[in-house]
């Protein structure tokens, strides 16, 4: 299932790029007082955030990738003791 990990990494990268492009487009639209461009940019930014989250989820679901325990898990375990 390494394909799921690769697909997730690609979605993370594309989502980050889409997010950045949307932010720039939204800021330019705001600076030019162009509400349509501003809205399109923010929409693109939101789609990028969603795509990045999907990529992270895909990578987390790949059973072939070994992951180290998260530090937050260690903190939760020590709080229960």
C-alpha atoms as a PDB file:
ATOM      1  CA  UNK A   1       0.000   0.000   0.000  1.00  0.00           C
ATOM      2  CA  UNK A   2       2.946   2.320  -0.526  1.00  0.00           C
ATOM      3  CA  UNK A   3       0.823   3.957  -3.187  1.00  0.00           C
ATOM      4  CA  UNK A   4      -1.373   5.467  -0.477  1.00  0.00           C
ATOM      5  CA  UNK A   5       1.674   7.050   1.138  1.00  0.00           C
ATOM      6  CA  UNK A   6       2.890   8.473  -2.194  1.00  0.00           C
ATOM      7  CA  UNK A   7      -0.578   9.697  -3.085  1.00  0.00           C
ATOM      8  CA  UNK A   8      -0.866  11.340   0.325  1.00  0.00           C
ATOM      9  CA  UNK A   9       2.491  13.057  -0.033  1.00  0.00           C
ATOM     10  CA  UNK A  10       1.492  14.345  -3.469  1.00  0.00           C
ATOM     11  CA  UNK A  11      -1.811  15.653  -2.135  1.00  0.00           C
ATOM     12  CA  UNK A  12      -0.027  17.367   0.753  1.00  0.00           C
ATOM     13  CA  UNK A  13       2.392  19.086  -1.620  1.00  0.00           C
ATOM     14  CA  UNK A  14      -0.291  20.098  -4.123  1.00  0.00           C
ATOM     15  CA  UNK A  15      -2.532  21.304  -1.305  1.00  0.00           C
ATOM     16  CA  UNK A  16       0.236  23.442   0.169  1.00  0.00           C
ATOM     17  CA  UNK A  17       0.933  24.971  -3.243  1.00  0.00           C
ATOM     18  CA  UNK A  18      -2.769  25.610  -3.876  1.00  0.00           C
ATOM     19  CA  UNK A  19      -3.084  27.175  -0.427  1.00  0.00           C
ATOM     20  CA  UNK A  20      -0.146  29.523  -1.077  1.00  0.00           C
ATOM     21  CA  UNK A  21      -1.383  30.504  -4.543  1.00  0.00           C
ATOM     22  CA  UNK A  22      -4.850  31.168  -3.158  1.00  0.00           C
ATOM     23  CA  UNK A  23      -3.460  33.333  -0.388  1.00  0.00           C
ATOM     24  CA  UNK A  24      -1.475  35.421  -2.858  1.00  0.00           C
ATOM     25  CA  UNK A  25      -4.455  35.753  -5.202  1.00  0.00           C
ATOM     26  CA  UNK A  26      -6.713  36.733  -2.311  1.00  0.00           C
ATOM     27  CA  UNK A  27      -4.234  39.311  -1.035  1.00  0.00           C
ATOM     28  CA  UNK A  28      -3.777  40.781  -4.518  1.00  0.00           C
ATOM     29  CA  UNK A  29      -7.541  40.963  -4.958  1.00  0.00           C
ATOM     30  CA  UNK A  30      -7.803  42.689  -1.592  1.00  0.00           C
ATOM     31  CA  UNK A  31      -5.040  45.169  -2.478  1.00  0.00           C
ATOM     32  CA  UNK A  32      -6.675  45.948  -5.826  1.00  0.00           C
ATOM     33  CA  UNK A  33     -10.117  46.184  -4.198  1.00  0.00           C
ATOM     34  CA  UNK A  34     -11.286  43.407  -6.523  1.00  0.00           C
ATOM     35  CA  UNK A  35     -13.819  41.434  -4.494  1.00  0.00           C
ATOM     36  CA  UNK A  36     -14.192  38.693  -7.119  1.00  0.00           C
ATOM     37  CA  UNK A  37     -10.448  38.008  -7.205  1.00  0.00           C
ATOM     38  CA  UNK A  38     -10.304  38.152  -3.420  1.00  0.00           C
ATOM     39  CA  UNK A  39     -13.120  35.589  -3.088  1.00  0.00           C
ATOM     40  CA  UNK A  40     -11.575  33.300  -5.718  1.00  0.00           C
ATOM     41  CA  UNK A  41      -8.252  33.423  -3.906  1.00  0.00           C
ATOM     42  CA  UNK A  42      -9.755  32.606  -0.539  1.00  0.00           C
ATOM     43  CA  UNK A  43     -11.743  29.765  -2.101  1.00  0.00           C
ATOM     44  CA  UNK A  44      -8.567  28.379  -3.670  1.00  0.00           C
ATOM     45  CA  UNK A  45      -6.805  28.722  -0.326  1.00  0.00           C
ATOM     46  CA  UNK A  46      -9.564  26.755   1.409  1.00  0.00           C
ATOM     47  CA  UNK A  47      -9.444  24.001  -1.235  1.00  0.00           C
ATOM     48  CA  UNK A  48      -5.686  23.781  -0.682  1.00  0.00           C
ATOM     49  CA  UNK A  49      -6.148  23.312   3.052  1.00  0.00           C
ATOM     50  CA  UNK A  50      -8.689  20.562   2.432  1.00  0.00           C
ATOM     51  CA  UNK A  51      -6.419  18.814  -0.088  1.00  0.00           C
ATOM     52  CA  UNK A  52      -3.503  18.968   2.343  1.00  0.00           C
ATOM     53  CA  UNK A  53      -5.639  17.469   5.127  1.00  0.00           C
ATOM     54  CA  UNK A  54      -6.728  14.659   2.781  1.00  0.00           C
ATOM     55  CA  UNK A  55      -3.070  13.973   2.000  1.00  0.00           C
ATOM     56  CA  UNK A  56      -2.195  13.781   5.684  1.00  0.00           C
ATOM     57  CA  UNK A  57      -5.081  11.382   6.268  1.00  0.00           C
ATOM     58  CA  UNK A  58      -3.996   9.183   3.361  1.00  0.00           C
ATOM     59  CA  UNK A  59      -0.479   8.983   4.724  1.00  0.00           C
ATOM     60  CA  UNK A  60      -1.744   8.189   8.211  1.00  0.00           C
ATOM     61  CA  UNK A  61      -3.922   5.367   6.866  1.00  0.00           C
ATOM     62  CA  UNK A  62      -1.111   3.639   4.964  1.00  0.00           C
ATOM     63  CA  UNK A  63      -0.424   0.439   6.925  1.00  0.00           C
ATOM     64  CA  UNK A  64       2.995  -0.077   5.339  1.00  0.00           C
ATOM     65  CA  UNK A  65       4.513   3.046   6.861  1.00  0.00           C
ATOM     66  CA  UNK A  66       5.872   2.668  10.377  1.00  0.00           C
ATOM     67  CA  UNK A  67       5.236   5.693  12.548  1.00  0.00           C
ATOM     68  CA  UNK A  68       6.800   6.593  15.857  1.00  0.00           C
ATOM     69  CA  UNK A  69       4.430   7.350  18.736  1.00  0.00           C
ATOM     70  CA  UNK A  70       3.418  10.960  18.930  1.00  0.00           C
ATOM     71  CA  UNK A  71       4.754  13.031  21.836  1.00  0.00           C
ATOM     72  CA  UNK A  72       1.174  13.960  22.706  1.00  0.00           C
ATOM     73  CA  UNK A  73       0.437  10.274  23.341  1.00  0.00           C
ATOM     74  CA  UNK A  74       3.295  10.182  25.857  1.00  0.00           C
ATOM     75  CA  UNK A  75       1.924  13.246  27.627  1.00  0.00           C
ATOM     76  CA  UNK A  76      -1.569  11.769  27.812  1.00  0.00           C
ATOM     77  CA  UNK A  77      -0.202   8.495  29.206  1.00  0.00           C
ATOM     78  CA  UNK A  78       1.822  10.271  31.902  1.00  0.00           C
ATOM     79  CA  UNK A  79      -1.203  12.407  32.868  1.00  0.00           C
ATOM     80  CA  UNK A  80      -3.222   9.244  33.525  1.00  0.00           C
ATOM     81  CA  UNK A  81      -0.571   7.790  35.905  1.00  0.00           C
END
